[in-house]
Amino acid sequence: MKNQWPTAVSKTYFPDIDEDKLLTRRELEILKWIMDGLASKQIAERLHISIHTVNAHRKNMLRKTNCTNFSEIVKYAIKHNLL
């Protein structure tokens, strides 16, 4: 059984948090680079951070949005006007 959080985890426990505040500023920045077609290694180089940090942000974005892949996150971002 897949361990997934309820949709918009913060909405379940913190209903007053807006959808656009669900992802951090850094996660949104990384999402922008992903949408531009950059790989984790390229994003890490541009932001001067570890590739492991980029991958941790990617994992957190999937968990927070209850998405299974980045195609779904892109649709989520468009639907909620995040970028």
C-alpha atoms as a PDB file:
ATOM      1  CA  MET A   1       0.000   0.000   0.000  1.00  0.00           C
ATOM      2  CA  LYS A   2       1.339   3.375  -0.985  1.00  0.00           C
ATOM      3  CA  ASN A   3       1.919   5.752   1.895  1.00  0.00           C
ATOM      4  CA  GLN A   4       0.419   9.048   0.755  1.00  0.00           C
ATOM      5  CA  TRP A   5      -0.542  12.105   2.716  1.00  0.00           C
ATOM      6  CA  PRO A   6      -4.049  13.464   2.346  1.00  0.00           C
ATOM      7  CA  THR A   7      -4.346  15.983  -0.471  1.00  0.00           C
ATOM      8  CA  ALA A   8      -2.770  19.246   0.603  1.00  0.00           C
ATOM      9  CA  VAL A   9      -1.470  18.020   3.947  1.00  0.00           C
ATOM     10  CA  SER A  10      -1.587  21.471   5.462  1.00  0.00           C
ATOM     11  CA  LYS A  11      -5.270  21.852   4.524  1.00  0.00           C
ATOM     12  CA  THR A  12      -6.104  18.806   6.650  1.00  0.00           C
ATOM     13  CA  TYR A  13      -4.352  20.075   9.752  1.00  0.00           C
ATOM     14  CA  PHE A  14      -4.162  23.807   9.054  1.00  0.00           C
ATOM     15  CA  PRO A  15      -7.226  24.729   6.967  1.00  0.00           C
ATOM     16  CA  ASP A  16      -6.424  28.456   7.005  1.00  0.00           C
ATOM     17  CA  ILE A  17      -3.187  28.000   4.990  1.00  0.00           C
ATOM     18  CA  ASP A  18      -3.548  29.005   1.339  1.00  0.00           C
ATOM     19  CA  GLU A  19      -2.672  26.557  -1.440  1.00  0.00           C
ATOM     20  CA  ASP A  20      -0.110  29.028  -2.737  1.00  0.00           C
ATOM     21  CA  LYS A  21       1.721  28.897   0.624  1.00  0.00           C
ATOM     22  CA  LEU A  22       1.954  25.097   0.595  1.00  0.00           C
ATOM     23  CA  LEU A  23       5.351  25.081  -1.136  1.00  0.00           C
ATOM     24  CA  THR A  24       8.313  27.077   0.127  1.00  0.00           C
ATOM     25  CA  ARG A  25      10.000  29.804  -1.876  1.00  0.00           C
ATOM     26  CA  ARG A  26      12.927  27.476  -2.628  1.00  0.00           C
ATOM     27  CA  GLU A  27      10.611  24.655  -3.703  1.00  0.00           C
ATOM     28  CA  LEU A  28       8.842  27.031  -6.089  1.00  0.00           C
ATOM     29  CA  GLU A  29      12.215  28.161  -7.435  1.00  0.00           C
ATOM     30  CA  ILE A  30      13.233  24.547  -8.056  1.00  0.00           C
ATOM     31  CA  LEU A  31       9.849  23.821  -9.637  1.00  0.00           C
ATOM     32  CA  LYS A  32      10.407  26.710 -12.057  1.00  0.00           C
ATOM     33  CA  TRP A  33      13.751  25.241 -13.108  1.00  0.00           C
ATOM     34  CA  ILE A  34      12.170  21.787 -13.497  1.00  0.00           C
ATOM     35  CA  MET A  35       9.475  23.282 -15.719  1.00  0.00           C
ATOM     36  CA  ASP A  36      12.263  24.860 -17.784  1.00  0.00           C
ATOM     37  CA  GLY A  37      13.646  21.358 -18.364  1.00  0.00           C
ATOM     38  CA  LEU A  38      16.663  21.377 -16.048  1.00  0.00           C
ATOM     39  CA  ALA A  39      17.837  18.206 -14.320  1.00  0.00           C
ATOM     40  CA  SER A  40      18.554  18.092 -10.584  1.00  0.00           C
ATOM     41  CA  LYS A  41      22.306  18.362 -11.175  1.00  0.00           C
ATOM     42  CA  GLN A  42      21.878  21.492 -13.307  1.00  0.00           C
ATOM     43  CA  ILE A  43      19.561  23.064 -10.720  1.00  0.00           C
ATOM     44  CA  ALA A  44      22.054  22.300  -7.950  1.00  0.00           C
ATOM     45  CA  GLU A  45      24.840  23.965  -9.920  1.00  0.00           C
ATOM     46  CA  ARG A  46      22.772  27.098 -10.605  1.00  0.00           C
ATOM     47  CA  LEU A  47      21.657  27.447  -6.990  1.00  0.00           C
ATOM     48  CA  HIS A  48      25.053  26.457  -5.551  1.00  0.00           C
ATOM     49  CA  ILE A  49      23.545  23.688  -3.432  1.00  0.00           C
ATOM     50  CA  SER A  50      23.993  19.933  -3.251  1.00  0.00           C
ATOM     51  CA  ILE A  51      22.161  17.674  -5.700  1.00  0.00           C
ATOM     52  CA  HIS A  52      20.930  15.826  -2.602  1.00  0.00           C
ATOM     53  CA  THR A  53      19.303  19.027  -1.365  1.00  0.00           C
ATOM     54  CA  VAL A  54      17.551  19.480  -4.716  1.00  0.00           C
ATOM     55  CA  ASN A  55      16.323  15.892  -4.595  1.00  0.00           C
ATOM     56  CA  ALA A  56      15.080  16.398  -1.019  1.00  0.00           C
ATOM     57  CA  HIS A  57      13.105  19.458  -2.160  1.00  0.00           C
ATOM     58  CA  ARG A  58      11.675  17.441  -5.067  1.00  0.00           C
ATOM     59  CA  LYS A  59      10.616  14.673  -2.682  1.00  0.00           C
ATOM     60  CA  ASN A  60       9.010  17.183  -0.307  1.00  0.00           C
ATOM     61  CA  MET A  61       7.082  18.784  -3.170  1.00  0.00           C
ATOM     62  CA  LEU A  62       5.680  15.396  -4.172  1.00  0.00           C
ATOM     63  CA  ARG A  63       4.661  14.651  -0.596  1.00  0.00           C
ATOM     64  CA  LYS A  64       3.092  18.048   0.082  1.00  0.00           C
ATOM     65  CA  THR A  65       1.040  18.086  -3.110  1.00  0.00           C
ATOM     66  CA  ASN A  66       0.139  14.391  -2.990  1.00  0.00           C
ATOM     67  CA  CYS A  67       1.490  13.978  -6.524  1.00  0.00           C
ATOM     68  CA  THR A  68       3.252  10.878  -7.820  1.00  0.00           C
ATOM     69  CA  ASN A  69       5.429  12.520 -10.476  1.00  0.00           C
ATOM     70  CA  PHE A  70       6.477  15.913 -11.748  1.00  0.00           C
ATOM     71  CA  SER A  71       3.956  15.979 -14.564  1.00  0.00           C
ATOM     72  CA  GLU A  72       1.296  16.039 -11.876  1.00  0.00           C
ATOM     73  CA  ILE A  73       3.127  18.772  -9.954  1.00  0.00           C
ATOM     74  CA  VAL A  74       3.288  20.920 -13.090  1.00  0.00           C
ATOM     75  CA  LYS A  75      -0.488  20.503 -13.509  1.00  0.00           C
ATOM     76  CA  TYR A  76      -0.929  21.288  -9.792  1.00  0.00           C
ATOM     77  CA  ALA A  77       1.188  24.451 -10.127  1.00  0.00           C
ATOM     78  CA  ILE A  78      -0.793  25.621 -13.141  1.00  0.00           C
ATOM     79  CA  LYS A  79      -4.151  24.837 -11.503  1.00  0.00           C
ATOM     80  CA  HIS A  80      -3.231  26.784  -8.361  1.00  0.00           C
ATOM     81  CA  ASN A  81      -1.386  29.618 -10.186  1.00  0.00           C
ATOM     82  CA  LEU A  82       1.815  28.960  -8.254  1.00  0.00           C
ATOM     83  CA  LEU A  83       4.161  30.143 -11.011  1.00  0.00           C
END
